[in-house]
Amino acid sequence: MDLANTALVNKAGSAPTGSVQAEAQISVLKKAMHLQAQGVMELLNAVPPNPPLASSGSLGTRLDTYA
């Protein structure tokens, strides 16, 4: 979580309960967290799958390493 979101959380938590400003801050916070979650999922989905392991030959059948 970056510093902008931390400040937003602190500000949203310090507003009086039930005020319009507090509701707006919480709404913005939820939207920001949702956007970050979407970004994380896009990054995770972009990671290529592990290559298949070698099943024959002298290379890649005894030690499984990835660069």
PDB file of N, CA and C in Angstrom:
ATOM      1  N   MET A   1       0.863  -1.173   0.000  1.00  0.00           N
ATOM      2  CA  MET A   1       0.000   0.000   0.000  1.00  0.00           C
ATOM      3  C   MET A   1       0.900   1.225   0.000  1.00  0.00           C
ATOM      4  N   ASP A   2       0.635   2.189  -0.857  1.00  0.00           N
ATOM      5  CA  ASP A   2       1.497   3.362  -0.916  1.00  0.00           C
ATOM      6  C   ASP A   2       1.079   4.405   0.117  1.00  0.00           C
ATOM      7  N   LEU A   3       1.883   5.447   0.248  1.00  0.00           N
ATOM      8  CA  LEU A   3       1.652   6.461   1.283  1.00  0.00           C
ATOM      9  C   LEU A   3       0.363   7.241   1.066  1.00  0.00           C
ATOM     10  N   ALA A   4      -0.044   7.444  -0.183  1.00  0.00           N
ATOM     11  CA  ALA A   4      -1.277   8.187  -0.438  1.00  0.00           C
ATOM     12  C   ALA A   4      -2.472   7.457   0.156  1.00  0.00           C
ATOM     13  N   ASN A   5      -2.503   6.139   0.023  1.00  0.00           N
ATOM     14  CA  ASN A   5      -3.612   5.375   0.587  1.00  0.00           C
ATOM     15  C   ASN A   5      -3.560   5.354   2.107  1.00  0.00           C
ATOM     16  N   THR A   6      -2.377   5.338   2.687  1.00  0.00           N
ATOM     17  CA  THR A   6      -2.246   5.360   4.140  1.00  0.00           C
ATOM     18  C   THR A   6      -2.788   6.668   4.691  1.00  0.00           C
ATOM     19  N   ALA A   7      -2.462   7.775   4.046  1.00  0.00           N
ATOM     20  CA  ALA A   7      -2.985   9.067   4.478  1.00  0.00           C
ATOM     21  C   ALA A   7      -4.496   9.115   4.327  1.00  0.00           C
ATOM     22  N   LEU A   8      -5.004   8.512   3.256  1.00  0.00           N
ATOM     23  CA  LEU A   8      -6.446   8.482   3.033  1.00  0.00           C
ATOM     24  C   LEU A   8      -7.148   7.672   4.111  1.00  0.00           C
ATOM     25  N   VAL A   9      -6.551   6.562   4.511  1.00  0.00           N
ATOM     26  CA  VAL A   9      -7.128   5.741   5.586  1.00  0.00           C
ATOM     27  C   VAL A   9      -7.154   6.522   6.887  1.00  0.00           C
ATOM     28  N   ASN A  10      -6.060   7.200   7.214  1.00  0.00           N
ATOM     29  CA  ASN A  10      -6.007   7.988   8.446  1.00  0.00           C
ATOM     30  C   ASN A  10      -7.033   9.110   8.434  1.00  0.00           C
ATOM     31  N   LYS A  11      -7.169   9.772   7.296  1.00  0.00           N
ATOM     32  CA  LYS A  11      -8.122  10.876   7.209  1.00  0.00           C
ATOM     33  C   LYS A  11      -9.556  10.364   7.300  1.00  0.00           C
ATOM     34  N   ALA A  12      -9.838   9.245   6.644  1.00  0.00           N
ATOM     35  CA  ALA A  12     -11.188   8.682   6.684  1.00  0.00           C
ATOM     36  C   ALA A  12     -11.538   8.222   8.101  1.00  0.00           C
ATOM     37  N   GLY A  13     -10.563   7.703   8.821  1.00  0.00           N
ATOM     38  CA  GLY A  13     -10.818   7.239  10.176  1.00  0.00           C
ATOM     39  C   GLY A  13     -11.007   8.350  11.186  1.00  0.00           C
ATOM     40  N   SER A  14     -10.488   9.560  10.882  1.00  0.00           N
ATOM     41  CA  SER A  14     -10.584  10.655  11.842  1.00  0.00           C
ATOM     42  C   SER A  14     -11.825  11.531  11.648  1.00  0.00           C
ATOM     43  N   ALA A  15     -12.570  11.337  10.574  1.00  0.00           N
ATOM     44  CA  ALA A  15     -13.770  12.150  10.326  1.00  0.00           C
ATOM     45  C   ALA A  15     -14.899  11.695  11.254  1.00  0.00           C
ATOM     46  N   PRO A  16     -15.776  12.627  11.625  1.00  0.00           N
ATOM     47  CA  PRO A  16     -16.894  12.250  12.497  1.00  0.00           C
ATOM     48  C   PRO A  16     -17.792  11.207  11.832  1.00  0.00           C
ATOM     49  N   THR A  17     -18.265  10.275  12.615  1.00  0.00           N
ATOM     50  CA  THR A  17     -19.113   9.213  12.097  1.00  0.00           C
ATOM     51  C   THR A  17     -20.427   9.777  11.576  1.00  0.00           C
ATOM     52  N   GLY A  18     -20.841   9.331  10.399  1.00  0.00           N
ATOM     53  CA  GLY A  18     -22.124   9.741   9.851  1.00  0.00           C
ATOM     54  C   GLY A  18     -22.085  11.014   9.045  1.00  0.00           C
ATOM     55  N   SER A  19     -20.962  11.717   9.005  1.00  0.00           N
ATOM     56  CA  SER A  19     -20.932  12.953   8.238  1.00  0.00           C
ATOM     57  C   SER A  19     -20.829  12.633   6.755  1.00  0.00           C
ATOM     58  N   VAL A  20     -21.242  13.557   5.947  1.00  0.00           N
ATOM     59  CA  VAL A  20     -21.186  13.394   4.496  1.00  0.00           C
ATOM     60  C   VAL A  20     -19.733  13.284   4.049  1.00  0.00           C
ATOM     61  N   GLN A  21     -18.870  14.063   4.672  1.00  0.00           N
ATOM     62  CA  GLN A  21     -17.456  14.026   4.321  1.00  0.00           C
ATOM     63  C   GLN A  21     -16.862  12.643   4.629  1.00  0.00           C
ATOM     64  N   ALA A  22     -17.231  12.079   5.768  1.00  0.00           N
ATOM     65  CA  ALA A  22     -16.721  10.753   6.132  1.00  0.00           C
ATOM     66  C   ALA A  22     -17.206   9.707   5.139  1.00  0.00           C
ATOM     67  N   GLU A  23     -18.457   9.788   4.754  1.00  0.00           N
ATOM     68  CA  GLU A  23     -18.998   8.830   3.788  1.00  0.00           C
ATOM     69  C   GLU A  23     -18.287   8.958   2.447  1.00  0.00           C
ATOM     70  N   ALA A  24     -18.005  10.193   2.029  1.00  0.00           N
ATOM     71  CA  ALA A  24     -17.304  10.410   0.763  1.00  0.00           C
ATOM     72  C   ALA A  24     -15.882   9.872   0.835  1.00  0.00           C
ATOM     73  N   GLN A  25     -15.205  10.098   1.955  1.00  0.00           N
ATOM     74  CA  GLN A  25     -13.838   9.606   2.107  1.00  0.00           C
ATOM     75  C   GLN A  25     -13.795   8.091   2.092  1.00  0.00           C
ATOM     76  N   ILE A  26     -14.734   7.465   2.747  1.00  0.00           N
ATOM     77  CA  ILE A  26     -14.779   6.004   2.759  1.00  0.00           C
ATOM     78  C   ILE A  26     -15.075   5.464   1.371  1.00  0.00           C
ATOM     79  N   SER A  27     -15.952   6.146   0.653  1.00  0.00           N
ATOM     80  CA  SER A  27     -16.266   5.727  -0.716  1.00  0.00           C
ATOM     81  C   SER A  27     -15.031   5.821  -1.614  1.00  0.00           C
ATOM     82  N   VAL A  28     -14.284   6.913  -1.493  1.00  0.00           N
ATOM     83  CA  VAL A  28     -13.062   7.076  -2.289  1.00  0.00           C
ATOM     84  C   VAL A  28     -12.039   6.017  -1.893  1.00  0.00           C
ATOM     85  N   LEU A  29     -11.919   5.745  -0.614  1.00  0.00           N
ATOM     86  CA  LEU A  29     -10.994   4.720  -0.136  1.00  0.00           C
ATOM     87  C   LEU A  29     -11.344   3.355  -0.714  1.00  0.00           C
ATOM     88  N   LYS A  30     -12.617   3.000  -0.687  1.00  0.00           N
ATOM     89  CA  LYS A  30     -13.041   1.711  -1.229  1.00  0.00           C
ATOM     90  C   LYS A  30     -12.748   1.619  -2.727  1.00  0.00           C
ATOM     91  N   LYS A  31     -12.993   2.705  -3.453  1.00  0.00           N
ATOM     92  CA  LYS A  31     -12.716   2.708  -4.892  1.00  0.00           C
ATOM     93  C   LYS A  31     -11.222   2.559  -5.159  1.00  0.00           C
ATOM     94  N   ALA A  32     -10.394   3.246  -4.376  1.00  0.00           N
ATOM     95  CA  ALA A  32      -8.941   3.155  -4.556  1.00  0.00           C
ATOM     96  C   ALA A  32      -8.455   1.739  -4.261  1.00  0.00           C
ATOM     97  N   MET A  33      -8.975   1.128  -3.219  1.00  0.00           N
ATOM     98  CA  MET A  33      -8.571  -0.241  -2.885  1.00  0.00           C
ATOM     99  C   MET A  33      -9.028  -1.227  -3.961  1.00  0.00           C
ATOM    100  N   HIS A  34     -10.213  -0.994  -4.500  1.00  0.00           N
ATOM    101  CA  HIS A  34     -10.727  -1.862  -5.565  1.00  0.00           C
ATOM    102  C   HIS A  34      -9.850  -1.745  -6.811  1.00  0.00           C
ATOM    103  N   LEU A  35      -9.446  -0.524  -7.158  1.00  0.00           N
ATOM    104  CA  LEU A  35      -8.582  -0.323  -8.320  1.00  0.00           C
ATOM    105  C   LEU A  35      -7.225  -0.987  -8.106  1.00  0.00           C
ATOM    106  N   GLN A  36      -6.687  -0.893  -6.901  1.00  0.00           N
ATOM    107  CA  GLN A  36      -5.412  -1.558  -6.613  1.00  0.00           C
ATOM    108  C   GLN A  36      -5.550  -3.068  -6.715  1.00  0.00           C
ATOM    109  N   ALA A  37      -6.646  -3.612  -6.240  1.00  0.00           N
ATOM    110  CA  ALA A  37      -6.869  -5.050  -6.322  1.00  0.00           C
ATOM    111  C   ALA A  37      -6.955  -5.498  -7.777  1.00  0.00           C
ATOM    112  N   GLN A  38      -7.612  -4.694  -8.607  1.00  0.00           N
ATOM    113  CA  GLN A  38      -7.693  -5.023 -10.030  1.00  0.00           C
ATOM    114  C   GLN A  38      -6.305  -5.016 -10.660  1.00  0.00           C
ATOM    115  N   GLY A  39      -5.500  -4.016 -10.305  1.00  0.00           N
ATOM    116  CA  GLY A  39      -4.147  -3.925 -10.843  1.00  0.00           C
ATOM    117  C   GLY A  39      -3.298  -5.117 -10.431  1.00  0.00           C
ATOM    118  N   VAL A  40      -3.429  -5.542  -9.190  1.00  0.00           N
ATOM    119  CA  VAL A  40      -2.680  -6.695  -8.704  1.00  0.00           C
ATOM    120  C   VAL A  40      -3.103  -7.953  -9.460  1.00  0.00           C
ATOM    121  N   MET A  41      -4.403  -8.118  -9.656  1.00  0.00           N
ATOM    122  CA  MET A  41      -4.880  -9.302 -10.372  1.00  0.00           C
ATOM    123  C   MET A  41      -4.384  -9.308 -11.814  1.00  0.00           C
ATOM    124  N   GLU A  42      -4.335  -8.142 -12.461  1.00  0.00           N
ATOM    125  CA  GLU A  42      -3.816  -8.059 -13.823  1.00  0.00           C
ATOM    126  C   GLU A  42      -2.340  -8.459 -13.854  1.00  0.00           C
ATOM    127  N   LEU A  43      -1.580  -7.996 -12.874  1.00  0.00           N
ATOM    128  CA  LEU A  43      -0.161  -8.372 -12.812  1.00  0.00           C
ATOM    129  C   LEU A  43       0.019  -9.867 -12.573  1.00  0.00           C
ATOM    130  N   LEU A  44      -0.759 -10.422 -11.661  1.00  0.00           N
ATOM    131  CA  LEU A  44      -0.652 -11.851 -11.384  1.00  0.00           C
ATOM    132  C   LEU A  44      -1.059 -12.693 -12.589  1.00  0.00           C
ATOM    133  N   ASN A  45      -2.073 -12.251 -13.315  1.00  0.00           N
ATOM    134  CA  ASN A  45      -2.501 -12.989 -14.497  1.00  0.00           C
ATOM    135  C   ASN A  45      -1.507 -12.863 -15.640  1.00  0.00           C
ATOM    136  N   ALA A  46      -0.663 -11.832 -15.629  1.00  0.00           N
ATOM    137  CA  ALA A  46       0.324 -11.630 -16.686  1.00  0.00           C
ATOM    138  C   ALA A  46       1.567 -12.488 -16.494  1.00  0.00           C
ATOM    139  N   VAL A  47       1.745 -13.058 -15.320  1.00  0.00           N
ATOM    140  CA  VAL A  47       2.915 -13.899 -15.061  1.00  0.00           C
ATOM    141  C   VAL A  47       2.773 -15.184 -15.872  1.00  0.00           C
ATOM    142  N   PRO A  48       3.792 -15.506 -16.676  1.00  0.00           N
ATOM    143  CA  PRO A  48       3.684 -16.724 -17.486  1.00  0.00           C
ATOM    144  C   PRO A  48       3.745 -17.973 -16.610  1.00  0.00           C
ATOM    145  N   PRO A  49       3.114 -19.049 -17.057  1.00  0.00           N
ATOM    146  CA  PRO A  49       3.168 -20.292 -16.277  1.00  0.00           C
ATOM    147  C   PRO A  49       4.571 -20.883 -16.316  1.00  0.00           C
ATOM    148  N   ASN A  50       4.855 -21.730 -15.354  1.00  0.00           N
ATOM    149  CA  ASN A  50       6.155 -22.398 -15.326  1.00  0.00           C
ATOM    150  C   ASN A  50       6.307 -23.263 -16.568  1.00  0.00           C
ATOM    151  N   PRO A  51       7.495 -23.302 -17.144  1.00  0.00           N
ATOM    152  CA  PRO A  51       7.697 -24.166 -18.311  1.00  0.00           C
ATOM    153  C   PRO A  51       7.624 -25.639 -17.890  1.00  0.00           C
ATOM    154  N   PRO A  52       7.241 -26.492 -18.825  1.00  0.00           N
ATOM    155  CA  PRO A  52       7.163 -27.910 -18.464  1.00  0.00           C
ATOM    156  C   PRO A  52       8.551 -28.468 -18.151  1.00  0.00           C
ATOM    157  N   LEU A  53       8.594 -29.417 -17.262  1.00  0.00           N
ATOM    158  CA  LEU A  53       9.854 -30.040 -16.883  1.00  0.00           C
ATOM    159  C   LEU A  53      10.310 -31.004 -17.969  1.00  0.00           C
ATOM    160  N   ALA A  54      11.612 -31.127 -18.092  1.00  0.00           N
ATOM    161  CA  ALA A  54      12.166 -32.074 -19.059  1.00  0.00           C
ATOM    162  C   ALA A  54      11.903 -33.492 -18.568  1.00  0.00           C
ATOM    163  N   SER A  55      11.566 -34.358 -19.499  1.00  0.00           N
ATOM    164  CA  SER A  55      11.301 -35.746 -19.110  1.00  0.00           C
ATOM    165  C   SER A  55      12.349 -36.709 -19.646  1.00  0.00           C
ATOM    166  N   SER A  56      13.220 -36.217 -20.529  1.00  0.00           N
ATOM    167  CA  SER A  56      14.271 -37.090 -21.048  1.00  0.00           C
ATOM    168  C   SER A  56      15.501 -36.249 -21.358  1.00  0.00           C
ATOM    169  N   GLY A  57      16.619 -36.893 -21.533  1.00  0.00           N
ATOM    170  CA  GLY A  57      17.850 -36.189 -21.838  1.00  0.00           C
ATOM    171  C   GLY A  57      18.677 -35.960 -20.593  1.00  0.00           C
ATOM    172  N   SER A  58      19.822 -35.297 -20.799  1.00  0.00           N
ATOM    173  CA  SER A  58      20.728 -35.081 -19.670  1.00  0.00           C
ATOM    174  C   SER A  58      20.535 -33.717 -19.010  1.00  0.00           C
ATOM    175  N   LEU A  59      19.768 -32.828 -19.615  1.00  0.00           N
ATOM    176  CA  LEU A  59      19.554 -31.491 -19.049  1.00  0.00           C
ATOM    177  C   LEU A  59      18.131 -31.345 -18.523  1.00  0.00           C
ATOM    178  N   GLY A  60      18.020 -30.819 -17.333  1.00  0.00           N
ATOM    179  CA  GLY A  60      16.713 -30.478 -16.777  1.00  0.00           C
ATOM    180  C   GLY A  60      15.955 -31.628 -16.155  1.00  0.00           C
ATOM    181  N   THR A  61      16.571 -32.767 -15.992  1.00  0.00           N
ATOM    182  CA  THR A  61      15.852 -33.884 -15.402  1.00  0.00           C
ATOM    183  C   THR A  61      16.224 -34.159 -13.951  1.00  0.00           C
ATOM    184  N   ARG A  62      17.287 -33.503 -13.462  1.00  0.00           N
ATOM    185  CA  ARG A  62      17.727 -33.759 -12.093  1.00  0.00           C
ATOM    186  C   ARG A  62      17.606 -32.541 -11.184  1.00  0.00           C
ATOM    187  N   LEU A  63      17.713 -31.367 -11.748  1.00  0.00           N
ATOM    188  CA  LEU A  63      17.683 -30.144 -10.950  1.00  0.00           C
ATOM    189  C   LEU A  63      16.690 -29.185 -11.593  1.00  0.00           C
ATOM    190  N   ASP A  64      15.695 -28.749 -10.828  1.00  0.00           N
ATOM    191  CA  ASP A  64      14.636 -27.883 -11.335  1.00  0.00           C
ATOM    192  C   ASP A  64      14.898 -26.451 -10.875  1.00  0.00           C
ATOM    193  N   THR A  65      15.399 -25.587 -11.773  1.00  0.00           N
ATOM    194  CA  THR A  65      15.676 -24.203 -11.426  1.00  0.00           C
ATOM    195  C   THR A  65      15.021 -23.277 -12.442  1.00  0.00           C
ATOM    196  N   TYR A  66      14.720 -22.074 -12.004  1.00  0.00           N
ATOM    197  CA  TYR A  66      14.120 -21.048 -12.861  1.00  0.00           C
ATOM    198  C   TYR A  66      14.918 -19.763 -12.710  1.00  0.00           C
ATOM    199  N   ALA A  67      15.107 -19.064 -13.804  1.00  0.00           N
ATOM    200  CA  ALA A  67      15.833 -17.789 -13.766  1.00  0.00           C
ATOM    201  C   ALA A  67      14.852 -16.666 -13.578  1.00  0.00           C
TER     202      ALA A  67
END
